[in-house]
Protein backbone atom coordinates (compact mmCIF):
# COMPACT_ATOMS: atom_id res chain seq x y z
CA MET A 1 19.65 10.27 2.83
CA THR A 2 16.83 8.84 0.38
CA ARG A 3 13.25 10.09 0.61
CA ALA A 4 10.47 8.48 -0.08
CA LEU A 5 6.30 9.15 -1.16
CA ILE A 6 3.39 7.12 0.05
CA LEU A 7 0.61 7.22 -2.56
CA ALA A 8 -2.62 7.86 -0.31
CA ALA A 9 -4.82 9.85 -2.67
CA GLY A 10 -6.86 7.24 -4.38
CA LEU A 11 -10.92 7.60 -4.07
CA GLY A 12 -11.05 3.75 -3.06
CA THR A 13 -13.84 3.30 -5.51
CA ARG A 14 -14.03 -0.44 -5.12
CA LEU A 15 -14.66 -0.48 -1.16
CA GLY A 16 -17.90 1.28 -1.65
CA GLY A 17 -19.29 2.90 1.18
CA LEU A 18 -16.13 1.74 3.63
CA SER A 19 -14.29 4.66 1.57
CA ASP A 20 -16.91 7.26 2.68
CA GLU A 21 -16.01 6.23 6.18
CA ARG A 22 -12.45 6.49 5.88
CA PRO A 23 -9.97 6.61 2.72
CA LYS A 24 -7.97 3.47 1.93
CA PRO A 25 -5.09 4.14 3.59
CA LEU A 26 -6.69 4.39 7.21
CA LEU A 27 -8.59 0.77 6.56
CA PRO A 28 -7.69 -0.54 10.13
CA VAL A 29 -6.12 -4.17 9.56
CA CYS A 30 -5.75 -5.84 12.87
CA ASP A 31 -6.40 -2.48 14.13
CA ILE A 32 -3.55 -0.67 12.62
CA PRO A 33 -4.49 1.83 9.82
CA LEU A 34 -3.11 0.66 6.42
CA ILE A 35 -0.88 3.55 6.17
CA ARG A 36 1.46 2.86 9.33
CA TYR A 37 2.21 -0.34 7.59
CA ALA A 38 4.09 1.45 4.70
CA VAL A 39 5.46 4.04 7.28
CA ALA A 40 6.68 1.21 9.20
CA LEU A 41 8.48 -0.50 6.13
CA LEU A 42 10.18 2.68 4.89
CA ARG A 43 11.66 3.48 8.25
CA GLY A 44 12.92 -0.34 9.12
CA ALA A 45 15.00 0.43 5.80
CA GLY A 46 16.08 4.09 7.39
CA ILE A 47 13.81 6.61 5.52
CA ASP A 48 12.49 8.86 7.67
CA GLU A 49 11.81 12.05 5.55
CA ILE A 50 8.54 11.10 3.79
CA ALA A 51 5.91 12.68 1.68
CA VAL A 52 2.00 11.71 1.30
CA ASN A 53 0.06 12.81 -1.16
CA LEU A 54 -3.37 13.62 -0.32
CA HIS A 55 -7.05 14.11 -1.94
CA HIS A 56 -9.65 12.16 -0.98
CA ARG A 57 -10.39 12.28 3.17
CA GLY A 58 -6.78 13.58 3.01
CA GLU A 59 -7.68 15.46 6.49
CA LEU A 60 -8.04 12.16 8.24
CA ILE A 61 -4.78 10.91 7.09
CA ARG A 62 -3.20 14.06 8.06
CA ALA A 63 -4.87 13.74 11.58
CA GLU A 64 -3.75 10.40 11.74
CA LEU A 65 -0.10 11.02 11.16
CA GLY A 66 0.62 14.15 12.78
CA ASP A 67 3.47 16.24 12.17
CA GLY A 68 6.55 15.25 10.69
CA PHE A 69 5.83 14.15 7.17
CA TYR A 70 5.74 16.54 3.85
CA TYR A 71 2.09 16.26 2.83
CA SER A 72 1.38 17.16 -0.67
CA GLU A 73 -2.19 18.46 -1.46
CA GLU A 74 -3.99 17.48 -4.71
CA PRO A 75 -7.25 19.38 -4.90
CA THR A 76 -7.50 17.65 -8.25
CA ILE A 77 -6.32 14.00 -8.15
CA LEU A 78 -3.12 13.77 -10.24
CA GLY A 79 -2.39 10.01 -10.72
CA THR A 80 0.45 7.88 -10.11
CA GLY A 81 2.86 10.58 -12.32
CA GLY A 82 1.53 13.50 -11.41
CA GLY A 83 1.63 13.07 -7.62
CA LEU A 84 5.18 12.46 -7.61
CA ARG A 85 5.98 14.92 -10.38
CA LYS A 86 4.56 17.47 -8.52
CA ILE A 87 6.87 17.54 -5.67
CA ALA A 88 9.69 15.98 -7.60
CA ASP A 89 12.14 18.50 -6.81
CA TRP A 90 11.86 17.65 -2.78
CA LEU A 91 11.85 13.61 -3.52
CA THR A 92 15.24 14.12 -5.78
CA LYS A 93 16.52 16.92 -3.20
CA GLY A 94 16.69 19.20 -6.39
CA GLY A 95 17.24 16.60 -9.53
CA ARG A 96 20.47 14.51 -7.15
CA ASP A 97 18.64 11.92 -5.74
CA SER A 98 16.40 8.38 -6.20
CA PHE A 99 13.51 8.16 -3.82
CA VAL A 100 11.63 5.80 -3.17
CA VAL A 101 7.56 5.29 -4.40
CA VAL A 102 5.28 3.00 -1.66
CA ASN A 103 1.44 2.15 -2.34
CA GLY A 104 -0.36 3.24 0.82
CA LYS A 105 -2.94 0.57 0.54
CA ILE A 106 -0.19 -2.41 1.12
CA VAL A 107 1.30 -4.78 3.63
CA SER A 108 4.33 -6.47 2.70
CA THR A 109 8.18 -8.04 3.90
CA ILE A 110 9.66 -6.52 1.10
CA ASP A 111 13.33 -5.61 1.53
CA LEU A 112 13.74 -1.84 0.84
CA ALA A 113 17.04 -1.39 1.92
CA GLY A 114 17.91 -4.07 -0.10
CA THR A 115 16.33 -2.50 -3.08
CA LEU A 116 18.16 0.39 -2.62
CA ARG A 117 21.34 -1.40 -2.68
CA HIS A 118 20.30 -3.02 -5.79
CA HIS A 119 19.29 0.01 -7.46
CA ASP A 120 22.15 1.84 -6.41
CA ALA A 121 24.75 -0.97 -7.54
CA THR A 122 23.12 -1.28 -11.10
CA ASN A 123 22.61 2.72 -11.62
CA ALA A 124 19.30 2.07 -12.95
CA THR A 125 16.53 4.36 -13.99
CA ALA A 126 14.13 2.60 -11.74
CA THR A 127 14.03 -0.65 -10.06
CA MET A 128 10.45 -2.06 -9.64
CA VAL A 129 9.74 -4.56 -6.85
CA VAL A 130 7.65 -7.26 -8.31
CA ARG A 131 5.76 -10.59 -7.60
CA GLU A 132 5.88 -13.63 -10.11
CA VAL A 133 2.17 -15.11 -10.48
CA PRO A 134 0.62 -16.90 -12.69
CA ASP A 135 -2.26 -14.27 -13.62
CA ALA A 136 0.30 -11.66 -14.05
CA HIS A 137 -1.69 -9.96 -17.37
CA LYS A 138 -4.60 -9.45 -14.88
CA TRP A 139 -2.44 -7.11 -12.89
CA GLY A 140 -0.52 -5.48 -16.22
CA ALA A 141 2.18 -7.97 -16.91
CA ILE A 142 5.87 -7.20 -16.07
CA ASP A 143 8.26 -9.02 -18.32
CA VAL A 144 11.34 -9.52 -16.30
CA ASP A 145 14.74 -11.75 -18.09
CA GLU A 146 17.23 -13.88 -16.08
CA HIS A 147 19.23 -11.16 -15.04
CA GLY A 148 16.70 -9.18 -13.18
CA ARG A 149 16.15 -6.84 -16.22
CA VAL A 150 12.95 -5.85 -17.24
CA THR A 151 12.28 -6.15 -21.09
CA GLY A 152 8.51 -5.50 -21.42
CA MET A 153 5.22 -4.01 -19.76
CA ILE A 154 1.65 -4.01 -19.79
CA GLY A 155 2.09 -5.21 -23.64
CA GLN A 156 4.77 -2.97 -24.75
CA GLY A 157 8.55 -4.04 -25.03
CA LYS A 158 8.72 -8.36 -25.30
CA PRO A 159 8.30 -10.98 -23.19
CA SER A 160 10.92 -12.66 -21.10
CA ALA A 161 11.60 -15.77 -18.36
CA TYR A 162 9.08 -14.23 -15.85
CA SER A 163 5.93 -12.52 -15.76
CA CYS A 164 5.27 -10.55 -12.90
CA MET A 165 3.01 -8.20 -10.95
CA PHE A 166 3.79 -4.74 -9.53
CA THR A 167 3.82 -4.16 -6.17
CA GLY A 168 3.27 -0.62 -5.89
CA VAL A 169 6.98 -0.23 -4.30
CA HIS A 170 9.65 0.84 -6.69
CA VAL A 171 13.01 3.41 -6.56
CA LEU A 172 13.15 6.00 -9.20
CA SER A 173 16.12 8.25 -10.35
CA PRO A 174 15.46 11.75 -11.38
CA ARG A 175 15.63 11.04 -15.02
CA LEU A 176 12.96 8.80 -15.30
CA VAL A 177 10.35 11.22 -13.48
CA ASP A 178 11.93 14.32 -15.89
CA ARG A 179 9.87 12.24 -18.61
CA LEU A 180 6.70 13.05 -16.95
CA PRO A 181 4.64 16.14 -18.15
CA PRO A 182 5.47 19.02 -15.52
CA THR A 183 1.95 19.36 -14.34
CA GLY A 184 -1.23 17.75 -14.68
CA GLU A 185 -2.79 14.08 -13.91
CA SER A 186 -0.42 11.75 -15.19
CA ASP A 187 0.40 7.81 -15.18
CA SER A 188 3.95 6.70 -14.26
CA ILE A 189 3.89 3.55 -16.39
CA ARG A 190 2.36 4.49 -19.54
CA GLN A 191 3.91 8.04 -19.85
CA ALA A 192 7.68 7.77 -17.92
CA TYR A 193 8.19 3.75 -17.37
CA ILE A 194 7.23 2.35 -21.02
CA PRO A 195 8.88 5.12 -22.97
CA ALA A 196 12.02 4.52 -21.14
CA LEU A 197 12.18 1.09 -21.80
CA LEU A 198 11.60 1.26 -25.38
CA ASP A 199 14.59 4.41 -25.42
CA GLY A 200 16.51 1.17 -24.20
CA GLU A 201 16.96 2.61 -20.46
CA ARG A 202 18.04 0.21 -17.89
CA ILE A 203 14.89 -0.52 -15.69
CA GLU A 204 15.46 -3.28 -13.04
CA ALA A 205 13.59 -5.67 -11.08
CA ILE A 206 13.41 -7.73 -7.84
CA ARG A 207 11.33 -10.72 -7.47
CA HIS A 208 9.32 -10.80 -4.20
CA ALA A 209 8.82 -14.02 -3.32
CA GLY A 210 7.62 -12.87 0.28
CA TYR A 211 4.40 -11.36 1.42
CA TRP A 212 2.58 -9.02 0.12
CA HIS A 213 -1.19 -8.12 -0.11
CA GLU A 214 -3.10 -5.27 -1.22
CA HIS A 215 -6.58 -4.02 0.26
CA SER A 216 -8.95 -2.61 -2.61
CA THR A 217 -11.78 -4.74 -2.29
CA PRO A 218 -13.82 -5.55 0.85
CA GLU A 219 -12.88 -8.96 0.14
CA ARG A 220 -9.49 -8.32 0.12
CA TYR A 221 -9.35 -6.50 2.69
CA LEU A 222 -10.85 -9.08 5.11
CA GLN A 223 -8.10 -11.27 3.84
CA GLY A 224 -5.56 -9.15 4.90
CA ASN A 225 -6.76 -9.41 8.18
CA TRP A 226 -7.01 -12.85 8.57
CA ASN A 227 -3.41 -13.56 6.76
CA LEU A 228 -2.00 -11.52 9.63
CA LEU A 229 -4.44 -13.08 12.76
CA SER A 230 -3.62 -16.40 11.63
CA GLY A 231 0.01 -16.12 12.11
CA SER A 232 0.94 -17.27 8.65
CA VAL A 233 2.78 -13.94 8.10
CA THR A 234 5.85 -12.26 10.35
CA LEU A 235 6.32 -8.95 9.40
CA THR A 236 9.75 -8.06 9.09
CA GLN A 237 8.61 -4.26 9.88
CA PRO A 238 5.50 -4.39 12.32
CA PRO A 239 3.69 -0.74 13.15
CA ALA A 240 2.59 -2.02 16.58
CA PRO A 241 1.80 -5.47 17.82
CA ILE A 242 -0.19 -7.67 15.74
CA ARG A 243 -3.51 -8.30 17.83
CA ALA A 244 -6.97 -9.45 17.72
CA ILE A 245 -8.62 -7.33 20.36
CA SER A 246 -7.71 -3.83 21.24
CA PRO A 247 -7.16 -3.36 25.13
CA SER A 248 -9.66 -0.36 24.89
CA ALA A 249 -12.28 -2.29 23.33
CA THR A 250 -15.53 -4.00 25.58
CA ILE A 251 -16.32 -7.68 24.92
CA GLU A 252 -19.52 -8.13 26.99
CA PRO A 253 -19.95 -11.47 29.26
CA GLY A 254 -21.40 -14.09 27.10
CA ALA A 255 -20.07 -13.09 23.69
CA GLN A 256 -18.67 -15.54 21.31
CA LEU A 257 -16.00 -14.71 18.78
CA SER A 258 -13.64 -16.80 16.83
CA PRO A 259 -10.34 -16.58 16.25
CA LEU A 260 -10.69 -14.66 12.99
CA VAL A 261 -12.47 -11.68 14.41
CA VAL A 262 -11.29 -8.32 14.88
CA VAL A 263 -12.24 -5.56 17.72
CA GLY A 264 -11.42 -2.46 17.41
CA ALA A 265 -9.98 0.46 19.94
CA ARG A 266 -13.19 1.22 21.79
CA ALA A 267 -15.36 -0.75 20.21
CA VAL A 268 -18.29 -2.81 21.94
CA VAL A 269 -19.04 -6.18 21.17
CA ARG A 270 -22.55 -7.14 22.70
CA ALA A 271 -23.31 -10.10 24.79
CA ASP A 272 -25.58 -11.81 21.95
CA ALA A 273 -22.97 -11.60 19.74
CA ARG A 274 -21.70 -14.64 17.63
CA LEU A 275 -18.96 -13.44 15.31
CA ASP A 276 -16.68 -15.45 12.81
CA ARG A 277 -14.80 -13.83 10.30
CA VAL A 278 -15.40 -10.37 11.31
CA VAL A 279 -13.72 -6.95 11.22
CA VAL A 280 -15.17 -4.55 13.51
CA TRP A 281 -13.68 -1.00 13.78
CA PRO A 282 -13.04 1.54 16.26
CA ASP A 283 -15.64 2.78 17.74
CA SER A 284 -18.16 0.52 16.72
CA VAL A 285 -21.09 -1.48 18.70
CA VAL A 286 -21.99 -5.04 17.27
CA GLY A 287 -24.43 -8.05 18.30
CA GLY A 288 -26.08 -10.74 17.18
CA ARG A 289 -24.81 -13.69 14.56
CA LEU A 290 -22.41 -12.32 11.84
CA THR A 291 -20.49 -14.23 9.46
CA ASP A 292 -17.78 -12.79 6.70
CA ALA A 293 -18.70 -8.68 7.68
CA ILE A 294 -17.08 -5.59 8.39
CA VAL A 295 -18.90 -3.59 11.15
CA THR A 296 -18.14 0.67 11.30
CA PRO A 297 -19.53 3.24 13.21
CA LYS A 298 -22.17 3.88 10.80
CA GLY A 299 -23.44 -0.02 10.42
CA VAL A 300 -22.61 -3.80 8.88
CA LEU A 301 -21.09 -4.44 5.54
CA GLN A 302 -22.06 -7.78 4.35
CA VAL A 303 -18.71 -9.81 2.30
């Protein structure tokens, strides 16, 4: 059975003070920690052997997920390459199998099972899930030809039919991982993918046209909640029912909430609250008039 790694060791610097309270993979999206969406995506594809790398507030992630995961502690952050290289022997079952990597900050409808079948059928060194976007160069463009083969990455190689961004979901063979330094911090794109591409290795791309959203800034985090709450997105592998208000939350009589408000577990919304486009984290208390804000147990972040 294929194994997988959820990348969850990032510092979350673009989230400001939010990441001091919770690491990015634990940001609640519709009252469900982000990392639960990644776990559901993997398990929906039949992947139950899952590793999670930990650095910033890693003890909170471990407490959320509990037993049944392979935790890889990184006292010094190892990057997108070093994190998987550290446990490559486990991920590849001693160098025999390809494995999946999923970023712990995303919610998507990516067809992982189909991606794995394509990877196996093409015997690719790696298979990347990408999205065709008009501003691909802002994200680090991945160039893909009409046959689905990667021809260029972040200015290396050559342009092709489609200019795409990388979703953070990919399948890697042991031979790609072998290109990474055996220890220390490294970058999977610059130190493995690009050398493999320039050496003529086969790197495949699946162009994903469905839902994908990352939550690295307060603005994008709020939008990710609204995307799911509005009903415009139907997740293929939801980790739990998508809802606006937790059954354990308290909404005092007289409080007014617009349709775009999320109230987390055990939170209290006071009678004088007038909320629109607000996410209230679990165990928080909120009152007064707020728009475009994130309420945490420690205070209010106006977005």
